[in-house]
PDB file of N, CA and C in Angstrom:
ATOM      1  N   MET A   1      25.911  96.637   7.912  1.00  0.00           N
ATOM      2  CA  MET A   1      27.021  98.063   8.312  1.00  0.00           C
ATOM      3  C   MET A   1      27.438  98.078   6.820  1.00  0.00           C
ATOM      4  N   LYS A   2      27.683  98.694   6.458  1.00  0.00           N
ATOM      5  CA  LYS A   2      28.378  99.402   5.622  1.00  0.00           C
ATOM      6  C   LYS A   2      29.616 100.254   5.771  1.00  0.00           C
ATOM      7  N   VAL A   3      30.780  99.819   5.049  1.00  0.00           N
ATOM      8  CA  VAL A   3      32.180 100.234   5.374  1.00  0.00           C
ATOM      9  C   VAL A   3      32.797 100.574   4.389  1.00  0.00           C
ATOM     10  N   LEU A   4      33.203 101.800   4.487  1.00  0.00           N
ATOM     11  CA  LEU A   4      33.485 102.667   3.493  1.00  0.00           C
ATOM     12  C   LEU A   4      35.171 103.199   3.759  1.00  0.00           C
ATOM     13  N   ARG A   5      36.074 102.792   2.936  1.00  0.00           N
ATOM     14  CA  ARG A   5      37.607 103.619   3.299  1.00  0.00           C
ATOM     15  C   ARG A   5      37.512 104.673   2.882  1.00  0.00           C
ATOM     16  N   LYS A   6      38.072 105.816   3.646  1.00  0.00           N
ATOM     17  CA  LYS A   6      38.145 107.294   3.166  1.00  0.00           C
ATOM     18  C   LYS A   6      39.232 107.597   1.964  1.00  0.00           C
ATOM     19  N   ALA A   7      40.353 106.813   1.996  1.00  0.00           N
ATOM     20  CA  ALA A   7      41.376 106.826   1.242  1.00  0.00           C
ATOM     21  C   ALA A   7      40.499 106.840  -0.279  1.00  0.00           C
ATOM     22  N   SER A   8      39.748 105.417  -0.494  1.00  0.00           N
ATOM     23  CA  SER A   8      39.021 105.246  -1.694  1.00  0.00           C
ATOM     24  C   SER A   8      37.912 106.648  -1.921  1.00  0.00           C
ATOM     25  N   LEU A   9      37.828 107.055  -1.383  1.00  0.00           N
ATOM     26  CA  LEU A   9      36.435 108.457  -1.368  1.00  0.00           C
ATOM     27  C   LEU A   9      37.386 109.369  -1.898  1.00  0.00           C
ATOM     28  N   THR A  10      38.565 109.672  -1.436  1.00  0.00           N
ATOM     29  CA  THR A  10      39.359 110.844  -1.634  1.00  0.00           C
ATOM     30  C   THR A  10      39.741 110.935  -2.934  1.00  0.00           C
ATOM     31  N   VAL A  11      39.930 109.790  -3.575  1.00  0.00           N
ATOM     32  CA  VAL A  11      40.855 109.464  -4.979  1.00  0.00           C
ATOM     33  C   VAL A  11      39.309 110.333  -6.054  1.00  0.00           C
ATOM     34  N   ARG A  12      38.376 109.873  -5.685  1.00  0.00           N
ATOM     35  CA  ARG A  12      37.313 110.395  -6.814  1.00  0.00           C
ATOM     36  C   ARG A  12      36.351 111.388  -6.018  1.00  0.00           C
ATOM     37  N   ALA A  13      36.058 112.812  -6.324  1.00  0.00           N
ATOM     38  CA  ALA A  13      35.479 113.645  -5.298  1.00  0.00           C
ATOM     39  C   ALA A  13      34.013 113.440  -5.525  1.00  0.00           C
ATOM     40  N   LYS A  14      33.608 112.915  -6.396  1.00  0.00           N
ATOM     41  CA  LYS A  14      32.201 112.345  -6.936  1.00  0.00           C
ATOM     42  C   LYS A  14      31.595 111.225  -5.809  1.00  0.00           C
ATOM     43  N   ASP A  15      32.857 110.378  -5.618  1.00  0.00           N
ATOM     44  CA  ASP A  15      32.408 109.460  -4.744  1.00  0.00           C
ATOM     45  C   ASP A  15      31.964 109.828  -3.096  1.00  0.00           C
ATOM     46  N   ALA A  16      32.448 110.857  -2.929  1.00  0.00           N
ATOM     47  CA  ALA A  16      32.635 111.425  -1.471  1.00  0.00           C
ATOM     48  C   ALA A  16      31.707 112.403  -1.370  1.00  0.00           C
ATOM     49  N   GLU A  17      31.054 112.964  -2.650  1.00  0.00           N
ATOM     50  CA  GLU A  17      29.915 113.835  -2.850  1.00  0.00           C
ATOM     51  C   GLU A  17      28.498 112.771  -2.553  1.00  0.00           C
ATOM     52  N   HIS A  18      28.648 111.765  -3.356  1.00  0.00           N
ATOM     53  CA  HIS A  18      27.708 110.658  -3.129  1.00  0.00           C
ATOM     54  C   HIS A  18      27.065 110.167  -1.858  1.00  0.00           C
ATOM     55  N   THR A  19      28.727 109.793  -1.226  1.00  0.00           N
ATOM     56  CA  THR A  19      28.473 109.401   0.211  1.00  0.00           C
ATOM     57  C   THR A  19      27.606 110.130   1.293  1.00  0.00           C
ATOM     58  N   LEU A  20      28.286 111.223   0.919  1.00  0.00           N
ATOM     59  CA  LEU A  20      27.591 112.613   1.893  1.00  0.00           C
ATOM     60  C   LEU A  20      25.939 112.536   1.625  1.00  0.00           C
ATOM     61  N   SER A  21      25.724 112.754   0.591  1.00  0.00           N
ATOM     62  CA  SER A  21      24.159 112.635   0.100  1.00  0.00           C
ATOM     63  C   SER A  21      23.255 111.174   0.738  1.00  0.00           C
ATOM     64  N   GLU A  22      24.008 110.110   0.368  1.00  0.00           N
ATOM     65  CA  GLU A  22      23.528 109.113   0.941  1.00  0.00           C
ATOM     66  C   GLU A  22      23.183 108.954   2.141  1.00  0.00           C
ATOM     67  N   ARG A  23      24.171 109.188   2.918  1.00  0.00           N
ATOM     68  CA  ARG A  23      24.076 109.589   4.310  1.00  0.00           C
ATOM     69  C   ARG A  23      22.709 110.275   4.834  1.00  0.00           C
ATOM     70  N   ASN A  24      22.758 111.554   4.490  1.00  0.00           N
ATOM     71  CA  ASN A  24      21.771 112.864   4.362  1.00  0.00           C
ATOM     72  C   ASN A  24      20.156 112.002   3.802  1.00  0.00           C
ATOM     73  N   ILE A  25      20.433 111.664   3.081  1.00  0.00           N
ATOM     74  CA  ILE A  25      18.986 110.999   2.497  1.00  0.00           C
ATOM     75  C   ILE A  25      18.528 110.191   3.407  1.00  0.00           C
ATOM     76  N   LEU A  26      19.509 109.050   3.741  1.00  0.00           N
ATOM     77  CA  LEU A  26      19.067 108.145   4.197  1.00  0.00           C
ATOM     78  C   LEU A  26      18.686 108.431   5.725  1.00  0.00           C
ATOM     79  N   SER A  27      19.071 109.382   6.305  1.00  0.00           N
ATOM     80  CA  SER A  27      19.007 109.913   7.717  1.00  0.00           C
ATOM     81  C   SER A  27      17.777 110.591   7.740  1.00  0.00           C
ATOM     82  N   SER A  28      17.070 111.412   6.740  1.00  0.00           N
ATOM     83  CA  SER A  28      16.023 112.021   6.718  1.00  0.00           C
ATOM     84  C   SER A  28      14.692 111.457   6.169  1.00  0.00           C
ATOM     85  N   LEU A  29      14.991 110.032   5.873  1.00  0.00           N
ATOM     86  CA  LEU A  29      13.998 109.441   4.965  1.00  0.00           C
ATOM     87  C   LEU A  29      13.272 108.282   6.168  1.00  0.00           C
ATOM     88  N   ALA A  30      12.199 107.880   6.033  1.00  0.00           N
ATOM     89  CA  ALA A  30      11.173 106.962   6.611  1.00  0.00           C
ATOM     90  C   ALA A  30       9.984 106.236   5.495  1.00  0.00           C
ATOM     91  N   HIS A  31      10.933 105.102   5.225  1.00  0.00           N
ATOM     92  CA  HIS A  31       9.896 104.348   3.964  1.00  0.00           C
ATOM     93  C   HIS A  31      10.045 103.226   3.854  1.00  0.00           C
ATOM     94  N   GLN A  32       8.928 102.273   3.811  1.00  0.00           N
ATOM     95  CA  GLN A  32       8.640 100.807   3.959  1.00  0.00           C
ATOM     96  C   GLN A  32      10.123 100.101   2.891  1.00  0.00           C
ATOM     97  N   PHE A  33      10.680 100.891   1.854  1.00  0.00           N
ATOM     98  CA  PHE A  33      10.748 100.312   0.865  1.00  0.00           C
ATOM     99  C   PHE A  33      12.566 100.628   0.860  1.00  0.00           C
ATOM    100  N   ILE A  34      12.985 101.441   1.706  1.00  0.00           N
ATOM    101  CA  ILE A  34      14.568 101.987   1.677  1.00  0.00           C
ATOM    102  C   ILE A  34      14.958 101.692   3.163  1.00  0.00           C
ATOM    103  N   VAL A  35      15.984 101.141   3.244  1.00  0.00           N
ATOM    104  CA  VAL A  35      16.762 100.668   4.581  1.00  0.00           C
ATOM    105  C   VAL A  35      16.888 101.721   5.335  1.00  0.00           C
ATOM    106  N   LYS A  36      16.734 101.485   6.562  1.00  0.00           N
ATOM    107  CA  LYS A  36      16.874 102.476   7.680  1.00  0.00           C
ATOM    108  C   LYS A  36      18.305 102.721   8.345  1.00  0.00           C
ATOM    109  N   LEU A  37      18.758 103.897   8.351  1.00  0.00           N
ATOM    110  CA  LEU A  37      20.069 104.376   9.027  1.00  0.00           C
ATOM    111  C   LEU A  37      20.035 105.108  10.240  1.00  0.00           C
ATOM    112  N   TYR A  38      20.340 103.479  11.172  1.00  0.00           N
ATOM    113  CA  TYR A  38      20.318 103.552  12.567  1.00  0.00           C
ATOM    114  C   TYR A  38      21.439 104.684  13.385  1.00  0.00           C
ATOM    115  N   TYR A  39      22.571 104.701  12.506  1.00  0.00           N
ATOM    116  CA  TYR A  39      23.651 105.529  13.202  1.00  0.00           C
ATOM    117  C   TYR A  39      24.791 105.302  12.072  1.00  0.00           C
ATOM    118  N   ALA A  40      25.498 106.764  12.149  1.00  0.00           N
ATOM    119  CA  ALA A  40      26.745 106.848  11.049  1.00  0.00           C
ATOM    120  C   ALA A  40      27.979 107.600  12.024  1.00  0.00           C
ATOM    121  N   PHE A  41      29.050 106.499  11.733  1.00  0.00           N
ATOM    122  CA  PHE A  41      30.238 107.264  12.294  1.00  0.00           C
ATOM    123  C   PHE A  41      31.508 107.158  11.592  1.00  0.00           C
ATOM    124  N   GLN A  42      32.670 107.772  12.007  1.00  0.00           N
ATOM    125  CA  GLN A  42      33.675 107.705  11.184  1.00  0.00           C
ATOM    126  C   GLN A  42      35.088 107.376  12.445  1.00  0.00           C
ATOM    127  N   THR A  43      36.132 106.911  11.565  1.00  0.00           N
ATOM    128  CA  THR A  43      37.526 106.472  12.369  1.00  0.00           C
ATOM    129  C   THR A  43      38.441 107.833  11.382  1.00  0.00           C
ATOM    130  N   ASP A  44      39.585 107.356  11.761  1.00  0.00           N
ATOM    131  CA  ASP A  44      40.810 108.109  11.086  1.00  0.00           C
ATOM    132  C   ASP A  44      40.540 107.642   9.793  1.00  0.00           C
ATOM    133  N   HIS A  45      40.131 106.271   9.429  1.00  0.00           N
ATOM    134  CA  HIS A  45      40.315 105.634   8.091  1.00  0.00           C
ATOM    135  C   HIS A  45      39.314 105.299   7.482  1.00  0.00           C
ATOM    136  N   LYS A  46      38.062 105.051   8.072  1.00  0.00           N
ATOM    137  CA  LYS A  46      36.871 104.269   7.568  1.00  0.00           C
ATOM    138  C   LYS A  46      35.722 105.270   7.879  1.00  0.00           C
ATOM    139  N   LEU A  47      34.616 105.021   7.074  1.00  0.00           N
ATOM    140  CA  LEU A  47      33.360 105.563   7.496  1.00  0.00           C
ATOM    141  C   LEU A  47      32.378 104.321   7.587  1.00  0.00           C
ATOM    142  N   TYR A  48      31.555 104.123   8.741  1.00  0.00           N
ATOM    143  CA  TYR A  48      30.686 103.751   8.876  1.00  0.00           C
ATOM    144  C   TYR A  48      28.887 103.786   8.786  1.00  0.00           C
ATOM    145  N   LEU A  49      28.245 103.302   8.060  1.00  0.00           N
ATOM    146  CA  LEU A  49      26.933 103.185   8.472  1.00  0.00           C
ATOM    147  C   LEU A  49      26.191 102.213   8.778  1.00  0.00           C
ATOM    148  N   ILE A  50      25.272 102.356   9.982  1.00  0.00           N
ATOM    149  CA  ILE A  50      24.851 101.146  10.530  1.00  0.00           C
ATOM    150  C   ILE A  50      23.430 101.014   9.761  1.00  0.00           C
ATOM    151  N   LEU A  51      23.264  99.904   9.215  1.00  0.00           N
ATOM    152  CA  LEU A  51      21.753 100.185   8.353  1.00  0.00           C
ATOM    153  C   LEU A  51      20.765  98.934   8.378  1.00  0.00           C
ATOM    154  N   GLN A  52      19.799  99.294   8.567  1.00  0.00           N
ATOM    155  CA  GLN A  52      18.429  98.214   8.820  1.00  0.00           C
ATOM    156  C   GLN A  52      19.127  97.204   7.687  1.00  0.00           C
ATOM    157  N   PHE A  53      18.990  95.535   8.302  1.00  0.00           N
ATOM    158  CA  PHE A  53      19.452  94.529   7.265  1.00  0.00           C
ATOM    159  C   PHE A  53      18.660  94.239   6.142  1.00  0.00           C
ATOM    160  N   ALA A  54      18.831  93.987   4.846  1.00  0.00           N
ATOM    161  CA  ALA A  54      18.564  93.984   3.589  1.00  0.00           C
ATOM    162  C   ALA A  54      18.955  92.665   2.957  1.00  0.00           C
ATOM    163  N   GLN A  55      17.947  91.539   2.828  1.00  0.00           N
ATOM    164  CA  GLN A  55      19.012  90.332   2.781  1.00  0.00           C
ATOM    165  C   GLN A  55      18.687  90.641   1.143  1.00  0.00           C
ATOM    166  N   GLY A  56      19.984  90.147   0.452  1.00  0.00           N
ATOM    167  CA  GLY A  56      19.917  90.196  -1.059  1.00  0.00           C
ATOM    168  C   GLY A  56      21.032  91.608  -1.503  1.00  0.00           C
ATOM    169  N   GLY A  57      20.945  92.341  -0.443  1.00  0.00           N
ATOM    170  CA  GLY A  57      22.072  93.611  -0.836  1.00  0.00           C
ATOM    171  C   GLY A  57      21.548  94.731  -1.676  1.00  0.00           C
ATOM    172  N   GLU A  58      22.124  95.616  -2.279  1.00  0.00           N
ATOM    173  CA  GLU A  58      21.756  96.944  -2.662  1.00  0.00           C
ATOM    174  C   GLU A  58      21.256  96.547  -4.305  1.00  0.00           C
ATOM    175  N   LEU A  59      20.293  97.145  -4.576  1.00  0.00           N
ATOM    176  CA  LEU A  59      19.874  97.556  -5.921  1.00  0.00           C
ATOM    177  C   LEU A  59      20.732  97.605  -6.766  1.00  0.00           C
ATOM    178  N   HIS A  60      21.739  98.698  -6.407  1.00  0.00           N
ATOM    179  CA  HIS A  60      22.565  99.236  -7.339  1.00  0.00           C
ATOM    180  C   HIS A  60      23.454  98.285  -7.681  1.00  0.00           C
ATOM    181  N   SER A  61      24.110  97.175  -6.543  1.00  0.00           N
ATOM    182  CA  SER A  61      24.678  96.475  -6.733  1.00  0.00           C
ATOM    183  C   SER A  61      24.743  95.133  -7.819  1.00  0.00           C
ATOM    184  N   TYR A  62      22.829  95.087  -7.491  1.00  0.00           N
ATOM    185  CA  TYR A  62      22.563  94.054  -8.190  1.00  0.00           C
ATOM    186  C   TYR A  62      22.307  94.322  -9.898  1.00  0.00           C
ATOM    187  N   ILE A  63      22.024  95.252 -10.031  1.00  0.00           N
ATOM    188  CA  ILE A  63      22.106  96.397 -11.379  1.00  0.00           C
ATOM    189  C   ILE A  63      23.299  96.089 -12.152  1.00  0.00           C
ATOM    190  N   GLU A  64      24.748  96.387 -10.999  1.00  0.00           N
ATOM    191  CA  GLU A  64      26.051  96.560 -11.631  1.00  0.00           C
ATOM    192  C   GLU A  64      26.285  95.118 -12.064  1.00  0.00           C
ATOM    193  N   LYS A  65      25.817  94.300 -11.564  1.00  0.00           N
ATOM    194  CA  LYS A  65      26.537  92.713 -11.935  1.00  0.00           C
ATOM    195  C   LYS A  65      25.406  92.199 -12.979  1.00  0.00           C
ATOM    196  N   THR A  66      24.105  92.653 -13.135  1.00  0.00           N
ATOM    197  CA  THR A  66      23.235  91.854 -14.185  1.00  0.00           C
ATOM    198  C   THR A  66      23.616  92.871 -15.473  1.00  0.00           C
ATOM    199  N   THR A  67      23.368  91.920 -16.300  1.00  0.00           N
ATOM    200  CA  THR A  67      23.789  92.390 -17.570  1.00  0.00           C
ATOM    201  C   THR A  67      22.401  92.425 -18.365  1.00  0.00           C
ATOM    202  N   PHE A  68      21.505  91.393 -17.973  1.00  0.00           N
ATOM    203  CA  PHE A  68      20.173  91.604 -18.746  1.00  0.00           C
ATOM    204  C   PHE A  68      19.047  91.467 -17.646  1.00  0.00           C
ATOM    205  N   CYS A  69      17.806  91.931 -17.617  1.00  0.00           N
ATOM    206  CA  CYS A  69      16.968  92.146 -16.918  1.00  0.00           C
ATOM    207  C   CYS A  69      15.767  91.949 -17.788  1.00  0.00           C
ATOM    208  N   SER A  70      15.123  90.839 -17.012  1.00  0.00           N
ATOM    209  CA  SER A  70      13.672  90.355 -18.046  1.00  0.00           C
ATOM    210  C   SER A  70      12.572  91.674 -17.727  1.00  0.00           C
ATOM    211  N   GLU A  71      11.723  91.833 -18.482  1.00  0.00           N
ATOM    212  CA  GLU A  71      10.561  92.823 -18.614  1.00  0.00           C
ATOM    213  C   GLU A  71       9.722  92.659 -17.137  1.00  0.00           C
ATOM    214  N   ASP A  72       9.632  91.092 -16.798  1.00  0.00           N
ATOM    215  CA  ASP A  72       8.800  90.994 -15.491  1.00  0.00           C
ATOM    216  C   ASP A  72       9.752  91.386 -14.354  1.00  0.00           C
ATOM    217  N   THR A  73      10.885  91.126 -14.406  1.00  0.00           N
ATOM    218  CA  THR A  73      11.939  91.508 -13.242  1.00  0.00           C
ATOM    219  C   THR A  73      11.988  93.137 -13.344  1.00  0.00           C
ATOM    220  N   ALA A  74      12.121  94.019 -14.382  1.00  0.00           N
ATOM    221  CA  ALA A  74      11.985  95.219 -14.167  1.00  0.00           C
ATOM    222  C   ALA A  74      10.779  96.070 -13.702  1.00  0.00           C
ATOM    223  N   LYS A  75       9.690  95.298 -14.076  1.00  0.00           N
ATOM    224  CA  LYS A  75       8.148  95.356 -13.510  1.00  0.00           C
ATOM    225  C   LYS A  75       8.076  95.663 -12.127  1.00  0.00           C
ATOM    226  N   PHE A  76       8.841  94.680 -11.565  1.00  0.00           N
ATOM    227  CA  PHE A  76       8.726  94.003 -10.029  1.00  0.00           C
ATOM    228  C   PHE A  76       9.450  95.369  -9.209  1.00  0.00           C
ATOM    229  N   TYR A  77      10.488  95.469  -9.631  1.00  0.00           N
ATOM    230  CA  TYR A  77      11.390  96.676  -9.207  1.00  0.00           C
ATOM    231  C   TYR A  77      11.098  98.099  -9.148  1.00  0.00           C
ATOM    232  N   LEU A  78      10.550  98.484 -10.347  1.00  0.00           N
ATOM    233  CA  LEU A  78       9.509  99.553 -10.495  1.00  0.00           C
ATOM    234  C   LEU A  78       8.570  99.704  -9.763  1.00  0.00           C
ATOM    235  N   ALA A  79       7.919  98.484  -9.459  1.00  0.00           N
ATOM    236  CA  ALA A  79       6.498  98.718  -8.781  1.00  0.00           C
ATOM    237  C   ALA A  79       7.145  98.936  -7.260  1.00  0.00           C
ATOM    238  N   GLU A  80       7.892  98.129  -6.860  1.00  0.00           N
ATOM    239  CA  GLU A  80       8.193  98.480  -5.207  1.00  0.00           C
ATOM    240  C   GLU A  80       9.031  99.708  -5.058  1.00  0.00           C
ATOM    241  N   ILE A  81       9.619 100.583  -5.921  1.00  0.00           N
ATOM    242  CA  ILE A  81      10.127 101.766  -5.796  1.00  0.00           C
ATOM    243  C   ILE A  81       9.166 102.752  -5.835  1.00  0.00           C
ATOM    244  N   GLY A  82       7.697 102.412  -6.616  1.00  0.00           N
ATOM    245  CA  GLY A  82       7.084 103.207  -6.651  1.00  0.00           C
ATOM    246  C   GLY A  82       5.992 103.265  -5.533  1.00  0.00           C
ATOM    247  N   ILE A  83       5.592 102.501  -4.985  1.00  0.00           N
ATOM    248  CA  ILE A  83       4.909 102.004  -3.962  1.00  0.00           C
ATOM    249  C   ILE A  83       5.298 103.125  -2.924  1.00  0.00           C
ATOM    250  N   SER A  84       4.274 103.850  -2.393  1.00  0.00           N
ATOM    251  CA  SER A  84       4.562 104.621  -1.179  1.00  0.00           C
ATOM    252  C   SER A  84       3.945 104.267  -0.064  1.00  0.00           C
TER     253      SER A  84
END
């Protein structure tokens, strides 16, 4: 489950736009290497995305935390993304 605070999304308009795009893209895709969005809902203060479990977290988070990526690691992720 991915939980986002609405207050943090209203501070930066791009974040709100990206979140809406993420929800729309995930709801329209079915791919073996992209997590499935089962359900999305909101309360007064938070947005919830119920996603397929992916051990290890998001690739985006991994890239942000990693300062260096070996060529082999980069090849692996590119191959995973490129396979359809």
